[in-house]
Amino acid sequence: MNISPWVYLGLPNLIRPYAIKYYTPDVNTIEGIVRCTGEAFGVQYEAIYSKNRSSRVALARHAAIKIIRDRLKITYTEMSKHLGKRHHATILHSYNQAEDLLKVYPPFKVKYEKAIELVEEQLKHTYRAHTCRRDLGYSPHSGV
């Protein structure tokens, strides 16, 4: 997954919103956070939604659930509907597992922090892309 294809300054201003919409995960949604977490943990984001219980996928799922809960403030029931129709108690357990793993398992903490960095990077790039770039000669009324 290419994280930031729209940063290329040679991209015309009229095309840039389409690149943002179609090529970048929206980290204000569950799917966007799951994509960033999958990238950080080295698993396909579809596997996080699946019933796969391998340790790599389970750790990525724990991290994604913790990030979603902390960032979006979505209820466990709502998350369970989006993440493979699991029971809300499973989501709660996964959140608690992530908190415990952050305290005692350094490899998980490193990957979790990488996922947080990717989410922050997406927020930063999305914010930049939606603001006017006057330093590049762009203004909303110039037609460029």
C-alpha atoms as a PDB file:
ATOM      1  CA  MET A   1       0.000   0.000   0.000  1.00  0.00           C
ATOM      2  CA  ASN A   2       1.416   3.336  -1.031  1.00  0.00           C
ATOM      3  CA  ILE A   3       0.784   5.712   1.851  1.00  0.00           C
ATOM      4  CA  SER A   4       1.170   9.126   0.243  1.00  0.00           C
ATOM      5  CA  PRO A   5       0.980   9.295  -3.567  1.00  0.00           C
ATOM      6  CA  TRP A   6      -0.568  12.775  -3.595  1.00  0.00           C
ATOM      7  CA  VAL A   7       2.437  14.492  -2.050  1.00  0.00           C
ATOM      8  CA  TYR A   8       4.107  14.710  -5.448  1.00  0.00           C
ATOM      9  CA  LEU A   9       4.192  18.438  -6.145  1.00  0.00           C
ATOM     10  CA  GLY A  10       3.955  17.957  -9.903  1.00  0.00           C
ATOM     11  CA  LEU A  11       0.429  16.629  -9.500  1.00  0.00           C
ATOM     12  CA  PRO A  12      -2.004  19.192 -10.943  1.00  0.00           C
ATOM     13  CA  ASN A  13      -4.230  20.858  -8.393  1.00  0.00           C
ATOM     14  CA  LEU A  14      -7.373  19.601 -10.127  1.00  0.00           C
ATOM     15  CA  ILE A  15      -6.262  15.968  -9.810  1.00  0.00           C
ATOM     16  CA  ARG A  16      -4.999  16.183  -6.225  1.00  0.00           C
ATOM     17  CA  PRO A  17      -8.473  15.845  -4.571  1.00  0.00           C
ATOM     18  CA  TYR A  18      -9.157  12.676  -6.581  1.00  0.00           C
ATOM     19  CA  ALA A  19      -5.805  11.207  -5.540  1.00  0.00           C
ATOM     20  CA  ILE A  20      -6.602  11.951  -1.922  1.00  0.00           C
ATOM     21  CA  LYS A  21     -10.072  10.446  -2.165  1.00  0.00           C
ATOM     22  CA  TYR A  22      -9.164   7.242  -3.966  1.00  0.00           C
ATOM     23  CA  TYR A  23      -5.588   6.450  -2.902  1.00  0.00           C
ATOM     24  CA  THR A  24      -5.382   7.380   0.755  1.00  0.00           C
ATOM     25  CA  PRO A  25      -7.027   5.788   3.749  1.00  0.00           C
ATOM     26  CA  ASP A  26      -9.300   8.154   5.625  1.00  0.00           C
ATOM     27  CA  VAL A  27      -8.082   7.812   9.193  1.00  0.00           C
ATOM     28  CA  ASN A  28     -11.334   9.248  10.462  1.00  0.00           C
ATOM     29  CA  THR A  29     -12.981   5.939   9.582  1.00  0.00           C
ATOM     30  CA  ILE A  30     -12.529   2.408  10.852  1.00  0.00           C
ATOM     31  CA  GLU A  31     -11.305   1.150   7.490  1.00  0.00           C
ATOM     32  CA  GLY A  32      -8.633   3.838   7.258  1.00  0.00           C
ATOM     33  CA  ILE A  33      -7.233   2.989  10.666  1.00  0.00           C
ATOM     34  CA  VAL A  34      -7.348  -0.736   9.879  1.00  0.00           C
ATOM     35  CA  ARG A  35      -5.384  -0.108   6.667  1.00  0.00           C
ATOM     36  CA  CYS A  36      -2.691   1.859   8.516  1.00  0.00           C
ATOM     37  CA  THR A  37      -2.485  -0.780  11.238  1.00  0.00           C
ATOM     38  CA  GLY A  38      -2.201  -3.574   8.696  1.00  0.00           C
ATOM     39  CA  GLU A  39       0.615  -1.681   6.991  1.00  0.00           C
ATOM     40  CA  ALA A  40       2.487  -1.262  10.283  1.00  0.00           C
ATOM     41  CA  PHE A  41       2.068  -4.905  11.319  1.00  0.00           C
ATOM     42  CA  GLY A  42       2.799  -6.316   7.869  1.00  0.00           C
ATOM     43  CA  VAL A  43      -0.561  -8.024   7.352  1.00  0.00           C
ATOM     44  CA  GLN A  44      -3.230  -7.548   4.722  1.00  0.00           C
ATOM     45  CA  TYR A  45      -5.967  -5.309   6.043  1.00  0.00           C
ATOM     46  CA  GLU A  46      -8.579  -7.844   4.920  1.00  0.00           C
ATOM     47  CA  ALA A  47      -7.054 -10.359   7.361  1.00  0.00           C
ATOM     48  CA  ILE A  48      -7.873  -8.061  10.280  1.00  0.00           C
ATOM     49  CA  TYR A  49     -11.563  -8.349   9.376  1.00  0.00           C
ATOM     50  CA  SER A  50     -11.336 -12.132   8.933  1.00  0.00           C
ATOM     51  CA  LYS A  51     -11.708 -14.934  11.472  1.00  0.00           C
ATOM     52  CA  ASN A  52      -7.972 -15.673  11.213  1.00  0.00           C
ATOM     53  CA  ARG A  53      -6.521 -16.213  14.695  1.00  0.00           C
ATOM     54  CA  SER A  54      -2.825 -16.412  13.865  1.00  0.00           C
ATOM     55  CA  SER A  55      -0.671 -14.367  16.212  1.00  0.00           C
ATOM     56  CA  ARG A  56       0.386 -11.795  13.587  1.00  0.00           C
ATOM     57  CA  VAL A  57      -3.193 -11.087  12.588  1.00  0.00           C
ATOM     58  CA  ALA A  58      -4.494 -11.158  16.157  1.00  0.00           C
ATOM     59  CA  LEU A  59      -1.874  -8.655  17.306  1.00  0.00           C
ATOM     60  CA  ALA A  60      -2.707  -6.355  14.403  1.00  0.00           C
ATOM     61  CA  ARG A  61      -6.406  -6.692  15.240  1.00  0.00           C
ATOM     62  CA  HIS A  62      -5.756  -5.833  18.915  1.00  0.00           C
ATOM     63  CA  ALA A  63      -3.812  -2.732  17.896  1.00  0.00           C
ATOM     64  CA  ALA A  64      -6.444  -1.642  15.388  1.00  0.00           C
ATOM     65  CA  ILE A  65      -9.211  -1.968  17.966  1.00  0.00           C
ATOM     66  CA  LYS A  66      -7.265   0.073  20.505  1.00  0.00           C
ATOM     67  CA  ILE A  67      -6.483   2.819  17.983  1.00  0.00           C
ATOM     68  CA  ILE A  68     -10.087   2.932  16.764  1.00  0.00           C
ATOM     69  CA  ARG A  69     -11.457   3.149  20.284  1.00  0.00           C
ATOM     70  CA  ASP A  70      -8.967   5.813  21.387  1.00  0.00           C
ATOM     71  CA  ARG A  71      -9.229   7.947  18.239  1.00  0.00           C
ATOM     72  CA  LEU A  72     -12.839   7.662  17.138  1.00  0.00           C
ATOM     73  CA  LYS A  73     -14.544   7.023  20.502  1.00  0.00           C
ATOM     74  CA  ILE A  74     -16.777   4.386  18.890  1.00  0.00           C
ATOM     75  CA  THR A  75     -18.639   1.960  21.144  1.00  0.00           C
ATOM     76  CA  TYR A  76     -17.583  -1.675  21.289  1.00  0.00           C
ATOM     77  CA  THR A  77     -20.914  -2.719  19.822  1.00  0.00           C
ATOM     78  CA  GLU A  78     -20.451  -0.425  16.833  1.00  0.00           C
ATOM     79  CA  MET A  79     -16.902  -1.683  16.304  1.00  0.00           C
ATOM     80  CA  SER A  80     -18.090  -5.286  16.456  1.00  0.00           C
ATOM     81  CA  LYS A  81     -20.453  -4.648  13.519  1.00  0.00           C
ATOM     82  CA  HIS A  82     -17.600  -3.329  11.374  1.00  0.00           C
ATOM     83  CA  LEU A  83     -14.896  -5.807  12.362  1.00  0.00           C
ATOM     84  CA  GLY A  84     -16.262  -9.118  11.178  1.00  0.00           C
ATOM     85  CA  LYS A  85     -19.535  -9.135  13.154  1.00  0.00           C
ATOM     86  CA  ARG A  86     -17.885 -10.233  16.358  1.00  0.00           C
ATOM     87  CA  HIS A  87     -19.484 -10.064  19.785  1.00  0.00           C
ATOM     88  CA  HIS A  88     -18.893  -6.769  21.585  1.00  0.00           C
ATOM     89  CA  ALA A  89     -17.263  -8.627  24.500  1.00  0.00           C
ATOM     90  CA  THR A  90     -14.647  -9.956  22.065  1.00  0.00           C
ATOM     91  CA  ILE A  91     -13.839  -6.393  21.039  1.00  0.00           C
ATOM     92  CA  LEU A  92     -13.587  -5.338  24.683  1.00  0.00           C
ATOM     93  CA  HIS A  93     -11.259  -8.256  25.408  1.00  0.00           C
ATOM     94  CA  SER A  94      -9.118  -7.323  22.414  1.00  0.00           C
ATOM     95  CA  TYR A  95      -8.866  -3.722  23.623  1.00  0.00           C
ATOM     96  CA  ASN A  96      -7.768  -4.906  27.076  1.00  0.00           C
ATOM     97  CA  GLN A  97      -5.261  -7.297  25.491  1.00  0.00           C
ATOM     98  CA  ALA A  98      -3.741  -4.405  23.541  1.00  0.00           C
ATOM     99  CA  GLU A  99      -3.358  -2.340  26.700  1.00  0.00           C
ATOM    100  CA  ASP A 100      -1.662  -5.253  28.478  1.00  0.00           C
ATOM    101  CA  LEU A 101       0.605  -6.006  25.518  1.00  0.00           C
ATOM    102  CA  LEU A 102       1.769  -2.404  25.376  1.00  0.00           C
ATOM    103  CA  LYS A 103       3.024  -2.772  28.945  1.00  0.00           C
ATOM    104  CA  VAL A 104       4.793  -6.130  28.672  1.00  0.00           C
ATOM    105  CA  TYR A 105       5.582  -6.960  25.027  1.00  0.00           C
ATOM    106  CA  PRO A 106       8.093  -4.556  23.397  1.00  0.00           C
ATOM    107  CA  PRO A 107       7.742  -5.873  19.794  1.00  0.00           C
ATOM    108  CA  PHE A 108       4.000  -5.142  19.947  1.00  0.00           C
ATOM    109  CA  LYS A 109       4.678  -1.669  21.315  1.00  0.00           C
ATOM    110  CA  VAL A 110       7.081  -0.871  18.463  1.00  0.00           C
ATOM    111  CA  LYS A 111       4.572  -1.904  15.796  1.00  0.00           C
ATOM    112  CA  TYR A 112       1.720  -0.158  17.621  1.00  0.00           C
ATOM    113  CA  GLU A 113       3.697   3.088  17.691  1.00  0.00           C
ATOM    114  CA  LYS A 114       4.451   2.654  13.974  1.00  0.00           C
ATOM    115  CA  ALA A 115       0.704   2.332  13.331  1.00  0.00           C
ATOM    116  CA  ILE A 116       0.071   5.495  15.355  1.00  0.00           C
ATOM    117  CA  GLU A 117       2.755   7.287  13.301  1.00  0.00           C
ATOM    118  CA  LEU A 118       1.083   6.189  10.053  1.00  0.00           C
ATOM    119  CA  VAL A 119      -2.291   7.449  11.276  1.00  0.00           C
ATOM    120  CA  GLU A 120      -0.738  10.774  12.318  1.00  0.00           C
ATOM    121  CA  GLU A 121       1.053  11.027   8.970  1.00  0.00           C
ATOM    122  CA  GLN A 122      -2.235  10.471   7.144  1.00  0.00           C
ATOM    123  CA  LEU A 123      -3.918  13.174   9.198  1.00  0.00           C
ATOM    124  CA  LYS A 124      -1.080  15.583   8.455  1.00  0.00           C
ATOM    125  CA  HIS A 125      -1.083  14.870   4.712  1.00  0.00           C
ATOM    126  CA  THR A 126      -4.858  15.013   4.478  1.00  0.00           C
ATOM    127  CA  TYR A 127      -4.875  18.349   6.294  1.00  0.00           C
ATOM    128  CA  ARG A 128      -2.179  19.752   4.009  1.00  0.00           C
ATOM    129  CA  ALA A 129      -3.940  18.592   0.879  1.00  0.00           C
ATOM    130  CA  HIS A 130      -7.204  20.251   1.867  1.00  0.00           C
ATOM    131  CA  THR A 131      -5.656  23.602   2.755  1.00  0.00           C
ATOM    132  CA  CYS A 132      -4.691  26.234   0.218  1.00  0.00           C
ATOM    133  CA  ARG A 133      -1.065  26.069  -0.850  1.00  0.00           C
ATOM    134  CA  ARG A 134      -0.340  29.771  -1.333  1.00  0.00           C
ATOM    135  CA  ASP A 135       3.399  29.076  -1.120  1.00  0.00           C
ATOM    136  CA  LEU A 136       3.074  27.116  -4.402  1.00  0.00           C
ATOM    137  CA  GLY A 137       1.119  29.872  -6.116  1.00  0.00           C
ATOM    138  CA  TYR A 138      -2.268  28.287  -5.573  1.00  0.00           C
ATOM    139  CA  SER A 139      -5.265  30.218  -4.416  1.00  0.00           C
ATOM    140  CA  PRO A 140      -8.875  29.093  -4.503  1.00  0.00           C
ATOM    141  CA  HIS A 141      -9.819  31.884  -6.893  1.00  0.00           C
ATOM    142  CA  SER A 142      -6.938  31.573  -9.359  1.00  0.00           C
ATOM    143  CA  GLY A 143      -8.459  28.642 -11.253  1.00  0.00           C
ATOM    144  CA  VAL A 144      -5.183  26.733 -11.129  1.00  0.00           C
END
